Protein backbone atom coordinates (compact mmCIF):
# COMPACT_ATOMS: atom_id res chain seq x y z
CA MET A 1 0.06 0.09 0.35
CA GLN A 2 1.29 3.45 -0.87
CA THR A 3 1.89 5.64 2.12
CA PHE A 4 1.77 9.64 1.47
CA ALA A 5 3.77 12.15 2.86
CA ILE A 6 1.65 14.98 4.86
CA GLY A 7 3.18 18.40 6.15
CA LEU A 8 1.62 20.29 8.36
CA VAL A 9 1.77 24.87 8.93
CA ASP A 10 0.44 25.29 11.86
CA ASP A 11 1.14 27.62 15.11
CA HIS A 12 0.19 25.13 17.87
CA PHE A 13 2.48 22.63 18.86
CA ALA A 14 -0.59 20.55 20.47
CA VAL A 15 -2.18 20.45 16.68
CA SER A 16 0.90 19.01 15.58
CA LEU A 17 0.97 16.26 18.18
CA GLY A 18 -2.95 15.71 17.38
CA ILE A 19 -2.39 15.69 13.93
CA THR A 20 0.67 12.83 14.37
CA ALA A 21 -0.89 10.96 16.66
CA LEU A 22 -4.16 10.63 14.17
CA LEU A 23 -2.30 9.55 11.34
CA GLU A 24 -0.33 7.01 12.93
CA GLU A 25 -3.81 5.01 13.40
CA THR A 26 -3.87 4.87 9.78
CA ASP A 27 -1.73 2.64 6.98
CA ASP A 28 -1.60 5.29 4.31
CA LEU A 29 -0.84 8.61 5.48
CA LYS A 30 2.15 9.69 7.50
CA LEU A 31 2.91 13.41 8.89
CA VAL A 32 6.69 13.54 7.94
CA ALA A 33 7.03 17.17 8.50
CA THR A 34 5.63 20.38 10.40
CA ALA A 35 6.46 23.75 10.48
CA ARG A 36 4.92 27.53 11.39
CA THR A 37 5.34 28.90 8.13
CA VAL A 38 5.06 27.81 4.88
CA PRO A 39 8.67 28.76 3.89
CA GLU A 40 10.05 26.97 6.84
CA LEU A 41 8.24 23.86 5.72
CA LEU A 42 9.89 23.77 2.45
CA GLU A 43 12.95 24.26 3.43
CA THR A 44 12.76 20.88 5.13
CA GLY A 45 13.54 19.63 1.65
CA HIS A 46 10.72 16.75 2.54
CA HIS A 47 8.81 15.37 -0.55
CA LEU A 48 5.27 16.01 0.45
CA ASP A 49 1.97 14.90 -1.07
CA LEU A 50 -0.13 17.20 0.55
CA VAL A 51 0.01 19.88 3.37
CA LEU A 52 -2.48 20.94 5.75
CA LEU A 53 -2.33 24.60 6.12
CA ASP A 54 -3.51 26.64 8.77
CA LEU A 55 -4.79 30.17 7.56
CA SER A 56 -4.15 32.30 10.59
CA LEU A 57 -0.74 32.20 11.10
CA ALA A 58 1.25 34.48 13.53
CA ASP A 59 3.21 35.49 10.35
CA ARG A 60 0.57 37.09 9.12
CA SER A 61 1.19 35.65 5.82
CA MET A 62 -2.31 35.53 3.54
CA PRO A 63 -3.45 31.77 2.64
CA GLU A 64 -3.70 32.79 -1.23
CA ASP A 65 -0.03 33.39 -1.10
CA ASN A 66 0.84 30.15 0.98
CA VAL A 67 -1.23 27.89 -1.10
CA ALA A 68 0.54 29.50 -4.30
CA ALA A 69 3.90 29.21 -2.52
CA LEU A 70 3.24 25.44 -2.11
CA ALA A 71 1.45 24.70 -5.55
CA GLU A 72 4.93 26.19 -6.90
CA ALA A 73 6.47 23.62 -5.17
CA GLY A 74 4.04 21.30 -6.91
CA VAL A 75 2.38 20.22 -3.57
CA PRO A 76 -1.30 20.78 -3.06
CA ALA A 77 -2.71 22.62 0.24
CA LEU A 78 -5.95 21.19 2.34
CA ALA A 79 -6.82 24.39 4.80
CA TYR A 80 -7.25 23.16 7.95
CA THR A 81 -9.45 26.09 9.92
CA SER A 82 -11.62 26.93 12.98
CA GLY A 83 -13.44 28.77 10.18
CA GLU A 84 -14.80 31.87 11.73
CA ASN A 85 -12.92 33.95 9.37
CA ALA A 86 -14.62 33.88 6.03
CA PHE A 87 -11.95 36.64 4.61
CA LEU A 88 -9.13 34.18 4.77
CA ILE A 89 -11.01 31.21 3.47
CA ARG A 90 -11.94 33.34 0.48
CA SER A 91 -8.50 34.09 0.33
CA ALA A 92 -7.41 30.34 0.28
CA ALA A 93 -9.94 29.81 -2.24
CA ARG A 94 -8.50 32.54 -4.72
CA GLY A 95 -5.08 30.97 -4.25
CA GLY A 96 -6.93 27.34 -5.45
CA VAL A 97 -6.56 25.17 -2.00
CA ARG A 98 -7.81 21.62 -3.21
CA GLY A 99 -10.09 21.40 -0.07
CA ILE A 100 -11.15 22.95 3.33
CA ALA A 101 -11.05 20.88 6.59
CA ARG A 102 -12.75 22.02 9.74
CA LYS A 103 -10.59 21.82 12.93
CA SER A 104 -14.02 20.98 14.52
CA HIS A 105 -13.98 17.87 12.34
CA THR A 106 -14.35 14.29 13.84
CA PRO A 107 -11.15 12.33 12.99
CA GLU A 108 -13.05 9.95 10.48
CA GLN A 109 -14.03 13.60 8.85
CA LEU A 110 -10.42 14.96 8.58
CA ILE A 111 -9.01 11.55 7.28
CA GLY A 112 -11.72 11.76 4.67
CA ALA A 113 -11.11 15.05 3.35
CA ILE A 114 -7.14 14.30 3.51
CA ARG A 115 -8.04 11.05 1.37
CA GLY A 116 -10.14 13.00 -0.73
CA CYS A 117 -7.74 15.74 -1.58
CA LEU A 118 -5.20 13.14 -2.57
CA ARG A 119 -7.70 11.66 -4.74
CA ASP A 120 -7.90 15.36 -6.21
CA ASP A 121 -11.70 14.38 -5.47
CA ALA A 122 -14.48 16.62 -5.64
CA GLU A 123 -16.02 15.58 -2.59
CA ALA A 124 -13.06 16.90 -0.30
CA LEU A 125 -14.92 20.23 -1.34
CA THR A 126 -16.26 21.49 1.76
CA ASN A 127 -19.17 23.61 3.25
CA GLU A 128 -16.82 26.14 4.21
CA TRP A 129 -15.39 26.49 0.61
CA ALA A 130 -18.78 26.56 -1.08
CA ALA A 131 -19.65 29.37 1.33
CA ALA A 132 -16.77 31.08 0.75
CA VAL A 133 -16.66 31.50 -3.11
CA ASP A 134 -20.67 32.28 -2.87
CA SER A 135 -20.57 36.08 -4.23
CA ASP A 136 -16.91 36.81 -3.72
CA PRO A 137 -15.85 40.14 -5.59
CA GLY A 138 -12.66 38.87 -5.86
CA LEU A 139 -13.35 36.02 -7.72
CA ASP A 140 -14.24 37.64 -11.57
CA ALA A 141 -16.28 35.54 -14.19
CA VAL A 142 -13.84 35.15 -17.11
CA GLY A 143 -15.84 35.88 -19.88
CA LEU A 144 -17.23 32.26 -21.42
CA SER A 145 -19.47 32.13 -24.20
CA GLN A 146 -22.72 30.88 -23.98
CA ARG A 147 -21.27 27.40 -25.69
CA GLN A 148 -18.73 27.22 -23.52
CA ARG A 149 -20.55 27.61 -20.57
CA GLU A 150 -22.62 24.45 -21.58
CA VAL A 151 -19.64 22.56 -22.42
CA LEU A 152 -18.24 23.42 -18.93
CA GLU A 153 -20.92 22.48 -16.89
CA LEU A 154 -21.21 19.64 -18.51
CA PHE A 155 -17.95 18.32 -18.30
CA ALA A 156 -17.42 20.00 -14.48
CA CYS A 157 -20.45 17.62 -13.48
CA GLY A 158 -18.85 14.27 -14.64
CA GLU A 159 -19.67 13.92 -18.39
CA SER A 160 -16.61 12.78 -20.82
CA ALA A 161 -15.74 14.62 -23.73
CA LYS A 162 -17.37 12.02 -25.73
CA ARG A 163 -20.55 12.35 -23.44
CA VAL A 164 -20.54 16.36 -23.90
CA ALA A 165 -20.32 15.91 -27.81
CA SER A 166 -23.22 13.84 -27.69
CA GLN A 167 -25.03 15.92 -25.85
CA THR A 168 -24.39 19.31 -27.35
CA GLY A 169 -24.05 17.81 -30.92
CA LEU A 170 -20.63 19.16 -31.24
CA SER A 171 -17.70 16.93 -32.42
CA ILE A 172 -15.30 15.39 -29.81
CA THR A 173 -12.65 17.53 -31.52
CA THR A 174 -14.39 20.62 -30.71
CA VAL A 175 -15.39 19.81 -27.17
CA ASN A 176 -11.58 19.12 -26.53
CA ASP A 177 -11.07 22.86 -28.11
CA TYR A 178 -13.65 24.35 -26.36
CA LEU A 179 -12.00 22.82 -22.86
CA LEU A 180 -8.51 24.23 -23.92
CA ARG A 181 -9.83 27.68 -24.42
CA ILE A 182 -11.34 27.47 -21.00
CA ARG A 183 -8.51 26.65 -19.00
CA ALA A 184 -6.45 29.16 -21.07
CA LYS A 185 -9.10 31.73 -20.04
CA TYR A 186 -8.93 30.65 -16.54
CA ALA A 187 -5.17 30.54 -16.51
CA GLN A 188 -4.83 34.06 -18.05
CA GLN A 189 -6.97 35.31 -14.82
CA GLY A 190 -4.58 33.42 -12.73
CA ARG A 191 -6.97 31.02 -11.46
CA ALA A 192 -5.62 27.51 -12.65
CA ALA A 193 -7.96 24.90 -13.82
CA HIS A 194 -5.58 22.00 -14.92
CA THR A 195 -7.83 18.86 -13.75
CA LYS A 196 -11.38 18.40 -13.98
CA VAL A 197 -11.78 18.79 -9.98
CA ASP A 198 -10.33 22.52 -10.60
CA LEU A 199 -12.73 23.11 -13.61
CA TYR A 200 -15.65 22.48 -11.35
CA LYS A 201 -14.05 24.86 -8.82
CA ARG A 202 -14.12 27.47 -11.38
CA ALA A 203 -17.50 26.21 -12.58
CA VAL A 204 -18.99 27.04 -9.08
CA GLU A 205 -17.04 30.16 -8.72
CA ASP A 206 -18.40 31.89 -11.62
CA GLY A 207 -21.96 30.72 -11.17
CA VAL A 208 -22.11 28.16 -14.11
CA LEU A 209 -22.73 25.53 -11.68
CA PRO A 210 -24.55 25.60 -8.27
CA PRO A 211 -22.42 24.98 -5.12
CA PRO A 212 -22.65 22.01 -3.32
CA ILE A 213 -25.94 21.77 -1.20
CA ARG A 214 -24.75 23.44 2.64
CA GLU A 215 -25.61 21.74 5.78
CA PRO A 216 -27.85 24.11 8.27
């Protein structure tokens, strides 16, 4: 079984102890590096498959900058937060955070969120993430055409390019061309959409798709 290397950026020693103990109960996850800041974590030189990132750090760094720094190093981030500060959650969402987990989550919920992020699974998108991107003026629409929105909606919902072509009457070549153009538009705006889950996030952010249903 593959073991995934997890990093943690958090100011509180107790959190590190708790995460270490939790992951020791699993066969596929191991906490290999902890730090108080993202630069400090990256300086350790550890190979990491995912980083749990506290959004409110003593160095007053912005979540979107931290997420971007990790992404540049090839490491995705799962925001691990108490969730009170919507501004920080929106900042993480703008930075392209892969998912958001609350510190109040049960151990099972946190492990599920970590594994979901490692799979790049849309189920890792949480209620907090959906709320954060809703009506955020910092997430500007990219100006997709109606046809591009239609292709994005179908594809981001899980349809294959072949199924999208069948449902829209377009050729597969045309559908793939639309997807390339859509990804290029988001890239130009600094909102990367490399994967299908990324496209799902962008579709929710721009109102092409409704956000996940939030629990009351």
